[in-house]
């Protein structure tokens, strides 16, 4: 009888899905990066240094995770203050009216060994568009000396800035080729570390 009860307990335990817990995005170890083509000859890179939000995650099945992240657009950093200031104007991010952008996941699906598709809604300047990012399997958990649990992950993808109403551009001609000085397509990279305190 005891063996039967033990067997039932094991089956119930295995059949019960792990309960999702709320993890906080660790701003000190997270950032959103971007890269755009410049004058048909080079690439300019920048970072948003303040990423906050939560991840609902059971620590095991990443496909069940739910991500809600907010990026402080005022923290944009391209290493050139004049360029930073221009990007904050109505020509680009219009931070006076839209100081943050958000990403809310809608699904996470397997995409090969250790790879996933992170799908969600990205909102920039009040415009929301679906995006799909390539994400690696989360790394962790790392448990620090205070018993805090940490996971880390990276996701990459591409968006078009004009999809969000960011239309500023100038024509340039280089070696007989005419184009715009800032590409429409933008490469984005999200480096995120999340933590959960005991």
N, C-alpha and C. Protein backbone atom coordinates (compact mmCIF):
# COMPACT_ATOMS: atom_id res chain seq x y z
N UNK A 1 0.82 -1.21 0.00
CA UNK A 1 0.00 0.00 0.00
C UNK A 1 0.86 1.26 0.00
N UNK A 2 1.91 1.23 0.83
CA UNK A 2 2.80 2.38 0.91
C UNK A 2 3.50 2.62 -0.43
N UNK A 3 3.89 1.48 -1.08
CA UNK A 3 4.55 1.61 -2.38
C UNK A 3 3.60 2.21 -3.42
N UNK A 4 2.33 1.81 -3.35
CA UNK A 4 1.34 2.32 -4.27
C UNK A 4 1.15 3.82 -4.07
N UNK A 5 1.07 4.23 -2.80
CA UNK A 5 0.89 5.66 -2.50
C UNK A 5 2.09 6.46 -2.96
N UNK A 6 3.28 5.90 -2.79
CA UNK A 6 4.50 6.57 -3.22
C UNK A 6 4.53 6.71 -4.74
N UNK A 7 4.10 5.63 -5.43
CA UNK A 7 4.06 5.67 -6.89
C UNK A 7 3.08 6.74 -7.37
N UNK A 8 1.93 6.83 -6.74
CA UNK A 8 0.93 7.83 -7.11
C UNK A 8 1.48 9.23 -6.90
N UNK A 9 2.19 9.42 -5.78
CA UNK A 9 2.76 10.73 -5.47
C UNK A 9 3.78 11.14 -6.52
N UNK A 10 4.60 10.19 -6.95
CA UNK A 10 5.61 10.47 -7.98
C UNK A 10 4.95 10.85 -9.30
N UNK A 11 3.91 10.09 -9.69
CA UNK A 11 3.21 10.36 -10.94
C UNK A 11 2.57 11.75 -10.91
N UNK A 12 1.95 12.08 -9.80
CA UNK A 12 1.32 13.41 -9.66
C UNK A 12 2.36 14.50 -9.76
N UNK A 13 3.50 14.27 -9.13
CA UNK A 13 4.57 15.28 -9.16
C UNK A 13 5.08 15.50 -10.58
N UNK A 14 5.26 14.39 -11.31
CA UNK A 14 5.76 14.49 -12.67
C UNK A 14 4.74 15.11 -13.61
N UNK A 15 3.48 14.88 -13.33
CA UNK A 15 2.42 15.38 -14.20
C UNK A 15 2.09 16.84 -13.94
N UNK A 16 2.47 17.35 -12.78
CA UNK A 16 2.15 18.72 -12.41
C UNK A 16 3.18 19.67 -13.00
N UNK A 17 2.77 20.61 -13.84
CA UNK A 17 3.73 21.53 -14.43
C UNK A 17 4.36 22.42 -13.37
N UNK A 18 5.63 22.78 -13.61
CA UNK A 18 6.32 23.67 -12.68
C UNK A 18 5.61 25.02 -12.67
N UNK A 19 5.57 25.65 -11.51
CA UNK A 19 4.88 26.92 -11.36
C UNK A 19 5.81 28.05 -11.78
N UNK A 20 5.33 28.92 -12.67
CA UNK A 20 6.13 30.05 -13.13
C UNK A 20 6.36 31.03 -11.98
N UNK A 21 7.55 31.57 -11.93
CA UNK A 21 7.91 32.55 -10.93
C UNK A 21 8.27 33.85 -11.62
N UNK A 22 8.16 34.95 -10.91
CA UNK A 22 8.47 36.26 -11.47
C UNK A 22 9.94 36.59 -11.27
N UNK A 23 10.64 36.77 -12.38
CA UNK A 23 12.04 37.17 -12.38
C UNK A 23 12.13 38.63 -12.80
N UNK A 24 13.04 39.37 -12.18
CA UNK A 24 13.24 40.77 -12.52
C UNK A 24 14.41 40.91 -13.50
N UNK A 25 14.24 41.75 -14.50
CA UNK A 25 15.36 42.04 -15.39
C UNK A 25 16.40 42.84 -14.61
N UNK A 26 17.63 42.36 -14.63
CA UNK A 26 18.73 43.00 -13.92
C UNK A 26 19.29 44.12 -14.80
N UNK A 27 18.90 45.35 -14.51
CA UNK A 27 19.28 46.48 -15.35
C UNK A 27 20.79 46.64 -15.45
N UNK A 28 21.49 46.34 -14.38
CA UNK A 28 22.94 46.52 -14.36
C UNK A 28 23.66 45.59 -15.33
N UNK A 29 23.00 44.49 -15.71
CA UNK A 29 23.63 43.51 -16.60
C UNK A 29 22.79 43.23 -17.85
N UNK A 30 21.96 44.19 -18.24
CA UNK A 30 21.11 44.04 -19.42
C UNK A 30 21.18 45.30 -20.27
N UNK A 31 21.01 45.13 -21.56
CA UNK A 31 21.02 46.28 -22.47
C UNK A 31 20.38 45.89 -23.79
N UNK A 32 19.88 46.91 -24.52
CA UNK A 32 19.36 46.73 -25.87
C UNK A 32 20.30 47.45 -26.82
N UNK A 33 20.81 46.74 -27.82
CA UNK A 33 21.78 47.30 -28.76
C UNK A 33 21.16 47.41 -30.15
N UNK A 34 21.65 48.35 -30.95
CA UNK A 34 21.19 48.47 -32.33
C UNK A 34 22.36 48.83 -33.24
N UNK A 35 22.19 48.56 -34.53
CA UNK A 35 23.20 48.91 -35.52
C UNK A 35 22.49 49.29 -36.82
N UNK A 36 22.93 50.40 -37.43
CA UNK A 36 22.35 50.87 -38.69
C UNK A 36 23.46 51.22 -39.67
N UNK A 37 23.17 51.04 -40.95
CA UNK A 37 24.13 51.44 -41.97
C UNK A 37 24.21 52.95 -42.08
N UNK A 38 25.42 53.48 -42.36
CA UNK A 38 25.63 54.92 -42.42
C UNK A 38 26.35 55.30 -43.71
N UNK A 39 25.74 56.18 -44.49
CA UNK A 39 26.34 56.73 -45.71
C UNK A 39 26.82 55.66 -46.70
N UNK A 40 26.16 54.51 -46.70
CA UNK A 40 26.45 53.42 -47.63
C UNK A 40 27.84 52.81 -47.45
N UNK A 41 28.56 53.19 -46.40
CA UNK A 41 29.94 52.71 -46.27
C UNK A 41 30.28 52.14 -44.90
N UNK A 42 29.46 52.40 -43.89
CA UNK A 42 29.85 52.00 -42.54
C UNK A 42 28.63 51.64 -41.71
N UNK A 43 28.87 51.26 -40.47
CA UNK A 43 27.81 50.90 -39.53
C UNK A 43 27.99 51.71 -38.25
N UNK A 44 26.89 52.27 -37.76
CA UNK A 44 26.89 52.98 -36.47
C UNK A 44 26.13 52.12 -35.48
N UNK A 45 26.74 51.95 -34.30
CA UNK A 45 26.13 51.12 -33.26
C UNK A 45 25.78 51.97 -32.04
N UNK A 46 24.75 51.54 -31.36
CA UNK A 46 24.34 52.25 -30.15
C UNK A 46 23.70 51.31 -29.15
N UNK A 47 23.46 51.84 -27.97
CA UNK A 47 22.91 51.05 -26.87
C UNK A 47 21.89 51.86 -26.09
N UNK A 48 20.86 51.18 -25.64
CA UNK A 48 19.96 51.76 -24.63
C UNK A 48 20.36 51.13 -23.30
N UNK A 49 20.77 51.96 -22.37
CA UNK A 49 21.41 51.45 -21.16
C UNK A 49 20.47 51.11 -20.02
N UNK A 50 19.19 51.39 -20.17
CA UNK A 50 18.26 51.14 -19.07
C UNK A 50 17.11 50.26 -19.54
N UNK A 51 17.21 48.96 -19.26
CA UNK A 51 16.17 48.00 -19.60
C UNK A 51 15.59 47.43 -18.31
N UNK A 52 14.28 47.51 -18.16
CA UNK A 52 13.62 47.01 -16.96
C UNK A 52 12.48 46.09 -17.36
N UNK A 53 11.92 45.39 -16.38
CA UNK A 53 10.76 44.55 -16.66
C UNK A 53 10.81 43.24 -15.92
N UNK A 54 9.94 42.32 -16.34
CA UNK A 54 9.81 41.03 -15.67
C UNK A 54 9.75 39.90 -16.68
N UNK A 55 10.08 38.71 -16.20
CA UNK A 55 9.93 37.48 -16.97
C UNK A 55 9.25 36.45 -16.08
N UNK A 56 8.14 35.92 -16.55
CA UNK A 56 7.47 34.83 -15.85
C UNK A 56 8.07 33.53 -16.37
N UNK A 57 8.75 32.79 -15.51
CA UNK A 57 9.54 31.64 -15.97
C UNK A 57 9.62 30.62 -14.85
N UNK A 58 9.41 29.33 -15.20
CA UNK A 58 9.47 28.28 -14.18
C UNK A 58 10.88 27.76 -13.96
N UNK A 59 11.85 28.32 -14.70
CA UNK A 59 13.23 27.90 -14.54
C UNK A 59 13.59 26.66 -15.35
N UNK A 60 12.61 26.13 -16.11
CA UNK A 60 12.85 24.89 -16.86
C UNK A 60 12.41 25.00 -18.32
N UNK A 61 11.15 25.32 -18.53
CA UNK A 61 10.59 25.31 -19.88
C UNK A 61 10.49 26.73 -20.41
N UNK A 62 11.46 27.14 -21.24
CA UNK A 62 11.49 28.51 -21.73
C UNK A 62 10.31 28.81 -22.64
N UNK A 63 9.72 27.79 -23.27
CA UNK A 63 8.60 28.05 -24.19
C UNK A 63 7.36 28.55 -23.45
N UNK A 64 7.32 28.37 -22.14
CA UNK A 64 6.20 28.85 -21.35
C UNK A 64 6.45 30.22 -20.73
N UNK A 65 7.65 30.75 -20.95
CA UNK A 65 8.00 32.03 -20.34
C UNK A 65 7.23 33.19 -20.97
N UNK A 66 7.00 34.22 -20.20
CA UNK A 66 6.33 35.43 -20.66
C UNK A 66 7.20 36.62 -20.29
N UNK A 67 7.53 37.43 -21.30
CA UNK A 67 8.46 38.53 -21.12
C UNK A 67 7.75 39.86 -21.29
N UNK A 68 8.03 40.78 -20.40
CA UNK A 68 7.48 42.13 -20.47
C UNK A 68 8.61 43.10 -20.15
N UNK A 69 9.16 43.75 -21.18
CA UNK A 69 10.34 44.59 -20.99
C UNK A 69 10.07 46.02 -21.43
N UNK A 70 10.69 46.96 -20.72
CA UNK A 70 10.59 48.38 -21.04
C UNK A 70 11.99 48.96 -21.21
N UNK A 71 12.19 49.70 -22.29
CA UNK A 71 13.49 50.32 -22.57
C UNK A 71 13.36 51.83 -22.42
N UNK A 72 14.23 52.42 -21.64
CA UNK A 72 14.25 53.87 -21.44
C UNK A 72 15.00 54.49 -22.63
N UNK A 73 14.26 55.09 -23.54
CA UNK A 73 14.86 55.62 -24.77
C UNK A 73 15.79 56.80 -24.48
N UNK A 74 15.56 57.50 -23.37
CA UNK A 74 16.42 58.65 -23.04
C UNK A 74 17.84 58.23 -22.72
N UNK A 75 18.08 56.94 -22.51
CA UNK A 75 19.43 56.47 -22.20
C UNK A 75 20.20 56.05 -23.44
N UNK A 76 19.73 56.42 -24.63
CA UNK A 76 20.41 56.06 -25.87
C UNK A 76 21.84 56.57 -25.85
N UNK A 77 22.77 55.74 -26.30
CA UNK A 77 24.18 56.08 -26.25
C UNK A 77 24.88 55.56 -27.50
N UNK A 78 25.32 56.49 -28.36
CA UNK A 78 26.08 56.12 -29.56
C UNK A 78 27.52 56.64 -29.48
N UNK A 79 27.91 57.11 -28.31
CA UNK A 79 29.26 57.61 -28.02
C UNK A 79 29.52 59.01 -28.57
N UNK A 80 28.52 59.61 -29.22
CA UNK A 80 28.65 60.97 -29.74
C UNK A 80 27.45 61.77 -29.24
N UNK A 81 27.69 62.76 -28.39
CA UNK A 81 26.58 63.46 -27.75
C UNK A 81 25.69 64.17 -28.76
N UNK A 82 26.27 64.78 -29.79
CA UNK A 82 25.46 65.46 -30.79
C UNK A 82 24.52 64.50 -31.50
N UNK A 83 25.01 63.30 -31.80
CA UNK A 83 24.17 62.29 -32.43
C UNK A 83 23.10 61.79 -31.46
N UNK A 84 23.48 61.58 -30.21
CA UNK A 84 22.49 61.17 -29.20
C UNK A 84 21.34 62.19 -29.13
N UNK A 85 21.72 63.47 -29.09
CA UNK A 85 20.72 64.52 -28.98
C UNK A 85 19.79 64.53 -30.19
N UNK A 86 20.36 64.32 -31.38
CA UNK A 86 19.53 64.30 -32.59
C UNK A 86 18.56 63.12 -32.58
N UNK A 87 19.04 61.97 -32.14
CA UNK A 87 18.19 60.78 -32.10
C UNK A 87 17.02 60.94 -31.12
N UNK A 88 17.17 61.84 -30.17
CA UNK A 88 16.09 62.06 -29.20
C UNK A 88 15.03 63.02 -29.71
N UNK A 89 15.28 63.69 -30.83
CA UNK A 89 14.33 64.67 -31.35
C UNK A 89 13.20 63.99 -32.11
N UNK A 90 12.26 64.81 -32.60
CA UNK A 90 11.13 64.29 -33.36
C UNK A 90 11.54 63.68 -34.70
N UNK A 91 12.78 63.93 -35.15
CA UNK A 91 13.27 63.28 -36.38
C UNK A 91 13.36 61.77 -36.20
N UNK A 92 13.59 61.35 -34.94
CA UNK A 92 13.77 59.93 -34.68
C UNK A 92 12.84 59.47 -33.54
N UNK A 93 13.35 59.36 -32.32
CA UNK A 93 12.57 58.73 -31.24
C UNK A 93 11.60 59.67 -30.54
N UNK A 94 11.75 60.96 -30.71
CA UNK A 94 10.81 61.93 -30.12
C UNK A 94 10.59 61.65 -28.62
N UNK A 95 11.70 61.64 -27.87
CA UNK A 95 11.62 61.24 -26.46
C UNK A 95 10.78 62.19 -25.61
N UNK A 96 10.58 63.41 -26.07
CA UNK A 96 9.73 64.34 -25.32
C UNK A 96 8.31 63.82 -25.21
N UNK A 97 7.91 63.04 -26.21
CA UNK A 97 6.54 62.47 -26.22
C UNK A 97 6.54 60.98 -25.92
N UNK A 98 7.60 60.28 -26.35
CA UNK A 98 7.67 58.82 -26.17
C UNK A 98 9.01 58.46 -25.52
N UNK A 99 9.04 58.47 -24.22
CA UNK A 99 10.32 58.27 -23.51
C UNK A 99 10.69 56.80 -23.33
N UNK A 100 9.76 55.90 -23.63
CA UNK A 100 10.05 54.47 -23.49
C UNK A 100 9.56 53.70 -24.71
N UNK A 101 10.12 52.52 -24.90
CA UNK A 101 9.57 51.56 -25.84
C UNK A 101 9.42 50.24 -25.09
N UNK A 102 8.52 49.40 -25.55
CA UNK A 102 8.21 48.17 -24.82
C UNK A 102 8.21 46.96 -25.74
N UNK A 103 8.48 45.82 -25.12
CA UNK A 103 8.37 44.54 -25.82
C UNK A 103 7.60 43.59 -24.91
N UNK A 104 6.55 42.99 -25.46
CA UNK A 104 5.75 42.01 -24.73
C UNK A 104 5.70 40.74 -25.57
N UNK A 105 6.19 39.63 -25.03
CA UNK A 105 6.24 38.38 -25.79
C UNK A 105 4.84 37.81 -25.98
N UNK A 106 4.67 37.12 -27.12
CA UNK A 106 3.41 36.42 -27.38
C UNK A 106 3.62 34.91 -27.45
N UNK A 107 4.83 34.48 -27.82
CA UNK A 107 5.14 33.05 -27.85
C UNK A 107 6.64 32.85 -27.97
N UNK A 108 7.07 31.68 -27.53
CA UNK A 108 8.46 31.25 -27.69
C UNK A 108 8.41 29.83 -28.22
N UNK A 109 9.00 29.60 -29.39
CA UNK A 109 8.91 28.29 -30.01
C UNK A 109 10.29 27.73 -30.32
N UNK A 110 10.47 26.40 -30.25
CA UNK A 110 11.77 25.79 -30.57
C UNK A 110 12.15 26.06 -32.03
N UNK A 111 13.46 26.25 -32.26
CA UNK A 111 13.95 26.50 -33.63
C UNK A 111 15.29 25.82 -33.85
N UNK A 112 15.40 24.57 -33.35
CA UNK A 112 16.66 23.84 -33.48
C UNK A 112 17.31 23.65 -32.13
N UNK A 113 18.42 22.93 -32.12
CA UNK A 113 19.11 22.62 -30.87
C UNK A 113 19.59 23.90 -30.19
N UNK A 114 19.06 24.14 -29.00
CA UNK A 114 19.46 25.30 -28.22
C UNK A 114 19.02 26.62 -28.80
N UNK A 115 18.07 26.61 -29.75
CA UNK A 115 17.61 27.83 -30.40
C UNK A 115 16.10 27.96 -30.28
N UNK A 116 15.63 29.21 -30.24
CA UNK A 116 14.21 29.47 -30.13
C UNK A 116 13.84 30.72 -30.93
N UNK A 117 12.56 30.81 -31.28
CA UNK A 117 12.00 32.02 -31.88
C UNK A 117 11.22 32.75 -30.79
N UNK A 118 11.64 33.96 -30.52
CA UNK A 118 10.95 34.80 -29.54
C UNK A 118 10.06 35.77 -30.30
N UNK A 119 8.77 35.58 -30.18
CA UNK A 119 7.79 36.40 -30.89
C UNK A 119 7.10 37.34 -29.90
N UNK A 120 6.82 38.54 -30.36
CA UNK A 120 6.17 39.47 -29.46
C UNK A 120 5.78 40.76 -30.16
N UNK A 121 5.26 41.69 -29.39
CA UNK A 121 4.84 42.98 -29.89
C UNK A 121 5.79 44.06 -29.39
N UNK A 122 6.37 44.78 -30.35
CA UNK A 122 7.29 45.87 -30.03
C UNK A 122 6.58 47.19 -30.26
N UNK A 123 6.64 48.06 -29.27
CA UNK A 123 6.00 49.37 -29.38
C UNK A 123 7.05 50.46 -29.32
N UNK A 124 7.13 51.24 -30.40
CA UNK A 124 8.05 52.37 -30.48
C UNK A 124 7.25 53.58 -30.95
N UNK A 125 7.37 54.69 -30.24
CA UNK A 125 6.67 55.93 -30.60
C UNK A 125 5.17 55.71 -30.75
N UNK A 126 4.61 54.88 -29.90
CA UNK A 126 3.17 54.65 -29.89
C UNK A 126 2.68 53.71 -30.97
N UNK A 127 3.60 53.15 -31.78
CA UNK A 127 3.22 52.22 -32.83
C UNK A 127 3.64 50.82 -32.42
N UNK A 128 2.72 49.87 -32.48
CA UNK A 128 2.99 48.49 -32.08
C UNK A 128 3.02 47.59 -33.31
N UNK A 129 4.11 46.81 -33.43
CA UNK A 129 4.27 45.88 -34.54
C UNK A 129 4.75 44.54 -34.01
N UNK A 130 4.33 43.44 -34.66
CA UNK A 130 4.85 42.13 -34.27
C UNK A 130 6.30 41.97 -34.75
N UNK A 131 7.13 41.37 -33.94
CA UNK A 131 8.52 41.09 -34.32
C UNK A 131 8.85 39.66 -33.92
N UNK A 132 9.84 39.09 -34.60
CA UNK A 132 10.31 37.74 -34.29
C UNK A 132 11.82 37.79 -34.17
N UNK A 133 12.33 37.34 -33.02
CA UNK A 133 13.76 37.39 -32.74
C UNK A 133 14.30 35.97 -32.59
N UNK A 134 15.55 35.80 -32.95
CA UNK A 134 16.25 34.53 -32.74
C UNK A 134 16.88 34.55 -31.36
N UNK A 135 16.52 33.59 -30.53
CA UNK A 135 16.98 33.57 -29.14
C UNK A 135 17.73 32.29 -28.84
N UNK A 136 18.81 32.40 -28.08
CA UNK A 136 19.52 31.21 -27.62
C UNK A 136 18.85 30.65 -26.37
N UNK A 137 19.10 29.39 -26.08
CA UNK A 137 18.57 28.80 -24.85
C UNK A 137 19.12 29.57 -23.65
N UNK A 138 18.30 29.83 -22.64
CA UNK A 138 18.79 30.58 -21.48
C UNK A 138 19.91 29.84 -20.76
N UNK A 139 20.86 30.61 -20.27
CA UNK A 139 21.98 30.04 -19.53
C UNK A 139 21.75 30.25 -18.04
N UNK A 140 21.91 29.17 -17.27
CA UNK A 140 21.70 29.25 -15.83
C UNK A 140 21.04 27.97 -15.33
N UNK A 141 20.67 27.95 -14.05
CA UNK A 141 20.80 29.11 -13.16
C UNK A 141 22.19 29.23 -12.53
N UNK A 142 22.58 30.46 -12.30
CA UNK A 142 23.75 30.76 -11.48
C UNK A 142 23.22 31.27 -10.15
N UNK A 143 23.70 30.69 -9.06
CA UNK A 143 23.25 31.10 -7.72
C UNK A 143 24.41 31.79 -7.02
N UNK A 144 24.24 33.05 -6.70
CA UNK A 144 25.34 33.80 -6.09
C UNK A 144 25.42 33.54 -4.59
N UNK A 145 26.37 34.22 -3.95
CA UNK A 145 26.63 33.96 -2.53
C UNK A 145 25.49 34.38 -1.61
N UNK A 146 24.55 35.20 -2.14
CA UNK A 146 23.40 35.61 -1.36
C UNK A 146 22.18 34.74 -1.64
N UNK A 147 22.35 33.71 -2.47
CA UNK A 147 21.26 32.82 -2.79
C UNK A 147 20.34 33.33 -3.89
N UNK A 148 20.77 34.40 -4.58
CA UNK A 148 19.96 34.94 -5.67
C UNK A 148 20.20 34.11 -6.92
N UNK A 149 19.11 33.72 -7.58
CA UNK A 149 19.19 32.93 -8.81
C UNK A 149 19.27 33.86 -10.03
N UNK A 150 20.13 33.51 -10.99
CA UNK A 150 20.30 34.31 -12.19
C UNK A 150 20.19 33.44 -13.44
N UNK A 151 19.55 33.97 -14.48
CA UNK A 151 19.55 33.38 -15.81
C UNK A 151 19.96 34.47 -16.80
N UNK A 152 20.56 34.07 -17.92
CA UNK A 152 20.90 35.03 -18.96
C UNK A 152 20.53 34.50 -20.32
N UNK A 153 20.20 35.41 -21.26
CA UNK A 153 19.85 35.01 -22.62
C UNK A 153 20.10 36.16 -23.57
N UNK A 154 20.24 35.83 -24.84
CA UNK A 154 20.44 36.84 -25.88
C UNK A 154 19.49 36.57 -27.03
N UNK A 155 18.96 37.65 -27.61
CA UNK A 155 18.07 37.54 -28.78
C UNK A 155 18.48 38.58 -29.81
N UNK A 156 18.41 38.20 -31.08
CA UNK A 156 18.78 39.12 -32.16
C UNK A 156 17.71 39.12 -33.23
N UNK A 157 17.63 40.22 -33.97
CA UNK A 157 16.66 40.30 -35.05
C UNK A 157 16.81 41.59 -35.83
N UNK A 158 15.86 41.84 -36.73
CA UNK A 158 15.87 43.03 -37.57
C UNK A 158 14.49 43.66 -37.57
N UNK A 159 14.46 44.98 -37.60
CA UNK A 159 13.21 45.71 -37.75
C UNK A 159 13.43 46.82 -38.77
N UNK A 160 12.34 47.40 -39.27
CA UNK A 160 12.42 48.56 -40.13
C UNK A 160 11.94 49.78 -39.35
N UNK A 161 12.79 50.78 -39.28
CA UNK A 161 12.44 51.95 -38.47
C UNK A 161 11.23 52.69 -39.04
N UNK A 162 11.05 52.65 -40.37
CA UNK A 162 9.91 53.34 -40.96
C UNK A 162 8.58 52.69 -40.59
N UNK A 163 8.62 51.41 -40.18
CA UNK A 163 7.40 50.76 -39.71
C UNK A 163 6.85 51.44 -38.48
N UNK A 164 7.72 52.15 -37.76
CA UNK A 164 7.32 52.80 -36.51
C UNK A 164 7.23 54.32 -36.68
N UNK A 165 7.21 54.78 -37.93
CA UNK A 165 7.06 56.21 -38.18
C UNK A 165 8.34 57.01 -38.13
N UNK A 166 9.49 56.33 -38.16
CA UNK A 166 10.78 57.00 -38.09
C UNK A 166 11.31 57.15 -39.52
N UNK A 167 10.93 58.26 -40.19
CA UNK A 167 11.13 58.38 -41.62
C UNK A 167 12.27 59.30 -42.03
N UNK A 168 12.94 59.91 -41.10
CA UNK A 168 13.99 60.88 -41.44
C UNK A 168 15.11 60.22 -42.23
N UNK A 169 15.54 60.89 -43.33
CA UNK A 169 16.64 60.37 -44.14
C UNK A 169 17.08 61.42 -45.13
N UNK A 170 18.34 61.33 -45.56
CA UNK A 170 18.89 62.18 -46.61
C UNK A 170 19.49 61.29 -47.70
N UNK A 171 19.40 61.74 -48.95
CA UNK A 171 20.01 60.99 -50.03
C UNK A 171 21.51 61.25 -50.08
N UNK A 172 22.26 60.20 -50.36
CA UNK A 172 23.71 60.33 -50.54
C UNK A 172 24.12 59.51 -51.75
N UNK A 173 25.22 59.92 -52.37
CA UNK A 173 25.76 59.17 -53.50
C UNK A 173 27.22 58.84 -53.21
N UNK A 174 27.53 57.57 -53.25
CA UNK A 174 28.88 57.09 -52.98
C UNK A 174 29.31 56.20 -54.13
N UNK A 175 30.42 56.57 -54.79
CA UNK A 175 30.97 55.78 -55.89
C UNK A 175 29.90 55.47 -56.94
N UNK A 176 29.08 56.49 -57.23
CA UNK A 176 28.06 56.34 -58.25
C UNK A 176 26.78 55.66 -57.80
N UNK A 177 26.74 55.25 -56.55
CA UNK A 177 25.55 54.58 -56.01
C UNK A 177 24.79 55.57 -55.12
N UNK A 178 23.50 55.73 -55.37
CA UNK A 178 22.67 56.64 -54.59
C UNK A 178 21.79 55.86 -53.63
N UNK A 179 21.74 56.32 -52.41
CA UNK A 179 20.90 55.70 -51.40
C UNK A 179 20.62 56.68 -50.29
N UNK A 180 20.15 56.19 -49.14
CA UNK A 180 19.90 57.08 -48.01
C UNK A 180 21.02 56.93 -46.98
N UNK A 181 21.23 58.01 -46.23
CA UNK A 181 22.38 58.04 -45.33
C UNK A 181 22.22 57.13 -44.11
N UNK A 182 20.99 56.78 -43.77
CA UNK A 182 20.74 55.88 -42.64
C UNK A 182 19.80 54.79 -43.13
N UNK A 183 20.20 53.55 -43.02
CA UNK A 183 19.38 52.46 -43.54
C UNK A 183 18.06 52.34 -42.81
N UNK A 184 17.07 51.87 -43.54
CA UNK A 184 15.76 51.62 -42.93
C UNK A 184 15.84 50.41 -41.99
N UNK A 185 16.55 49.38 -42.43
CA UNK A 185 16.66 48.16 -41.63
C UNK A 185 17.63 48.37 -40.47
N UNK A 186 17.21 47.95 -39.30
CA UNK A 186 18.01 48.11 -38.09
C UNK A 186 18.22 46.74 -37.45
N UNK A 187 19.48 46.42 -37.18
CA UNK A 187 19.79 45.18 -36.44
C UNK A 187 19.64 45.45 -34.96
N UNK A 188 18.96 44.56 -34.25
CA UNK A 188 18.80 44.74 -32.81
C UNK A 188 19.30 43.50 -32.07
N UNK A 189 19.88 43.74 -30.91
CA UNK A 189 20.36 42.67 -30.03
C UNK A 189 19.91 42.96 -28.61
N UNK A 190 19.33 41.98 -27.97
CA UNK A 190 18.92 42.11 -26.57
C UNK A 190 19.78 41.18 -25.72
N UNK A 191 20.53 41.75 -24.80
CA UNK A 191 21.29 40.98 -23.82
C UNK A 191 20.59 41.17 -22.48
N UNK A 192 20.05 40.10 -21.95
CA UNK A 192 19.24 40.22 -20.74
C UNK A 192 19.67 39.22 -19.67
N UNK A 193 19.82 39.71 -18.47
CA UNK A 193 20.01 38.84 -17.31
C UNK A 193 18.84 39.08 -16.37
N UNK A 194 18.26 37.99 -15.87
CA UNK A 194 17.14 38.10 -14.95
C UNK A 194 17.54 37.47 -13.62
N UNK A 195 16.91 37.94 -12.56
CA UNK A 195 17.24 37.41 -11.23
C UNK A 195 16.00 37.22 -10.39
N UNK A 196 16.12 36.31 -9.45
CA UNK A 196 15.03 36.06 -8.49
C UNK A 196 15.66 35.87 -7.13
N UNK A 197 15.24 36.71 -6.21
CA UNK A 197 15.77 36.63 -4.85
C UNK A 197 15.02 35.59 -4.02
N UNK A 198 15.71 34.92 -3.10
CA UNK A 198 15.06 33.89 -2.28
C UNK A 198 14.02 34.47 -1.34
